[in-house]
Amino acid sequence: MVKVIMGLKGSGKTKQLIESVHRALEVENGCVICIEKDRKLTYDIPSEARLVCASDYSFGSPEFLKGFISGLYSGNYDITHVFIDGLYKVTPFAGDVQAVETFLEWLDKFSAANNIRFTLTISADINGATDVIRKYF
């Protein structure tokens, strides 16, 4: 399952994501991962979740992010949920909506194949979301 939380800056996306991380840690029996651009969530995310700072790994493309997620899973089959705070900040999609759609579709297939839930935030006007992106709301 893939869930997208989309809205403009200041609309509460990160707060909603943090609450979702807390809930996941309470109900899921596996590893919870949270990927963010930098270390802003260090004190908001419980230490039971693995917090990954994307700037430590030079995420340069959506393909790199796919490989990173695949590598996380290949190293730990106990992952049950991956959170990504600020998809456009973690990986530069450069306004390429087609690339975002392709990534979300890949993520959905990866999720189904490996029984991992994904929740991610996108900082953009929700009115500009395409039908493909909306299907993950």
Protein backbone atom coordinates (compact mmCIF):
# COMPACT_ATOMS: atom_id res chain seq x y z
CA MET A 1 0.00 0.00 0.00
CA VAL A 2 1.18 3.48 -0.89
CA LYS A 3 -0.28 6.58 0.72
CA VAL A 4 0.52 10.10 -0.45
CA ILE A 5 -0.01 13.10 1.82
CA MET A 6 0.01 16.14 -0.43
CA GLY A 7 -0.38 19.84 0.28
CA LEU A 8 1.32 23.19 0.23
CA LYS A 9 4.06 24.13 2.68
CA GLY A 10 2.64 24.62 6.16
CA SER A 11 -0.44 22.46 5.61
CA GLY A 12 0.51 19.90 8.28
CA LYS A 13 1.90 17.10 6.13
CA THR A 14 4.94 16.43 8.30
CA LYS A 15 2.89 16.50 11.49
CA GLN A 16 0.55 13.92 9.98
CA LEU A 17 3.53 11.80 8.92
CA ILE A 18 5.04 11.94 12.43
CA GLU A 19 1.73 10.82 13.94
CA SER A 20 1.61 7.96 11.42
CA VAL A 21 5.12 6.86 12.41
CA HIS A 22 4.08 6.75 16.07
CA ARG A 23 0.97 4.70 15.19
CA ALA A 24 2.99 2.31 13.03
CA LEU A 25 5.40 1.66 15.88
CA GLU A 26 2.48 0.83 18.16
CA VAL A 27 0.67 -1.62 15.87
CA GLU A 28 3.20 -3.10 13.45
CA ASN A 29 5.54 -5.96 14.31
CA GLY A 30 8.48 -5.04 12.16
CA CYS A 31 10.99 -2.35 11.33
CA VAL A 32 9.81 1.17 10.56
CA ILE A 33 12.00 3.42 8.43
CA CYS A 34 11.67 7.19 7.98
CA ILE A 35 13.62 8.90 5.19
CA GLU A 36 13.99 12.68 5.30
CA LYS A 37 16.25 15.20 3.60
CA ASP A 38 18.11 16.27 6.73
CA ARG A 39 17.89 15.75 10.48
CA LYS A 40 14.89 17.95 11.34
CA LEU A 41 12.81 15.04 12.67
CA THR A 42 15.48 13.65 15.00
CA TYR A 43 13.51 14.54 18.14
CA ASP A 44 10.06 13.91 16.65
CA ILE A 45 10.60 10.34 15.47
CA PRO A 46 10.97 7.75 18.27
CA SER A 47 14.31 5.97 18.42
CA GLU A 48 12.54 2.65 17.66
CA ALA A 49 12.17 3.85 14.08
CA ARG A 50 15.21 4.02 11.81
CA LEU A 51 15.68 7.63 10.71
CA VAL A 52 17.61 7.98 7.44
CA CYS A 53 19.07 11.32 6.43
CA ALA A 54 18.98 11.42 2.62
CA SER A 55 21.60 14.16 2.40
CA ASP A 56 24.13 11.64 3.74
CA TYR A 57 23.65 9.53 0.61
CA SER A 58 23.46 12.08 -2.25
CA PHE A 59 20.08 11.00 -3.61
CA GLY A 60 20.48 12.32 -7.14
CA SER A 61 17.56 10.76 -9.00
CA PRO A 62 14.37 8.77 -8.60
CA GLU A 63 16.32 5.71 -9.81
CA PHE A 64 18.75 6.15 -6.92
CA LEU A 65 15.81 6.26 -4.48
CA LYS A 66 14.40 3.05 -5.99
CA GLY A 67 17.78 1.37 -5.56
CA PHE A 68 18.11 2.68 -2.02
CA ILE A 69 14.68 1.35 -1.03
CA SER A 70 15.47 -2.00 -2.67
CA GLY A 71 18.77 -2.12 -0.81
CA LEU A 72 17.11 -1.35 2.52
CA TYR A 73 14.73 -4.23 1.99
CA SER A 74 17.37 -6.67 0.77
CA GLY A 75 19.30 -5.99 3.96
CA ASN A 76 16.26 -6.30 6.25
CA TYR A 77 13.22 -8.38 5.31
CA ASP A 78 11.50 -7.29 8.53
CA ILE A 79 10.66 -3.81 7.22
CA THR A 80 6.92 -3.20 7.47
CA HIS A 81 6.63 0.52 6.75
CA VAL A 82 8.74 3.17 5.04
CA PHE A 83 7.94 6.85 5.44
CA ILE A 84 9.40 9.50 3.13
CA ASP A 85 9.08 13.10 4.28
CA GLY A 86 9.29 15.52 1.38
CA LEU A 87 9.64 13.42 -1.77
CA TYR A 88 10.68 16.49 -3.81
CA LYS A 89 13.33 17.38 -1.24
CA VAL A 90 14.73 13.86 -0.89
CA THR A 91 15.00 13.29 -4.64
CA PRO A 92 14.97 16.01 -7.28
CA PHE A 93 12.03 15.29 -9.58
CA ALA A 94 12.44 18.80 -11.06
CA GLY A 95 8.72 19.21 -11.64
CA ASP A 96 8.56 16.06 -13.76
CA VAL A 97 5.06 14.79 -12.97
CA GLN A 98 5.55 11.76 -15.23
CA ALA A 99 8.59 10.73 -13.19
CA VAL A 100 6.58 11.05 -9.97
CA GLU A 101 3.79 8.92 -11.42
CA THR A 102 6.28 6.29 -12.60
CA PHE A 103 7.93 6.24 -9.16
CA LEU A 104 4.59 5.86 -7.34
CA GLU A 105 3.54 3.03 -9.64
CA TRP A 106 6.88 1.27 -9.05
CA LEU A 107 6.50 1.82 -5.30
CA ASP A 108 3.00 0.34 -5.38
CA LYS A 109 4.29 -2.82 -7.13
CA PHE A 110 7.24 -3.06 -4.74
CA SER A 111 4.86 -2.65 -1.81
CA ALA A 112 2.57 -5.43 -3.00
CA ALA A 113 5.43 -7.80 -3.79
CA ASN A 114 7.16 -7.34 -0.45
CA ASN A 115 4.28 -6.54 1.93
CA ILE A 116 5.66 -3.12 2.89
CA ARG A 117 3.56 -0.03 3.43
CA PHE A 118 4.79 3.33 2.15
CA THR A 119 3.65 6.77 3.28
CA LEU A 120 5.17 9.85 1.70
CA THR A 121 4.61 13.57 1.64
CA ILE A 122 4.67 15.78 -1.42
CA SER A 123 4.83 19.53 -1.00
CA ALA A 124 2.66 20.82 -3.84
CA ASP A 125 -0.82 22.13 -4.49
CA ILE A 126 -3.25 19.23 -4.18
CA ASN A 127 -5.33 20.73 -7.01
CA GLY A 128 -2.44 20.05 -9.36
CA ALA A 129 -2.36 16.33 -8.61
CA THR A 130 -2.92 14.04 -11.58
CA ASP A 131 -5.32 11.10 -11.50
CA VAL A 132 -2.39 8.70 -11.02
CA ILE A 133 -1.15 10.63 -7.98
CA ARG A 134 -4.70 11.01 -6.59
CA LYS A 135 -5.23 7.28 -6.55
CA TYR A 136 -2.71 7.12 -3.69
CA PHE A 137 -4.50 9.69 -1.47
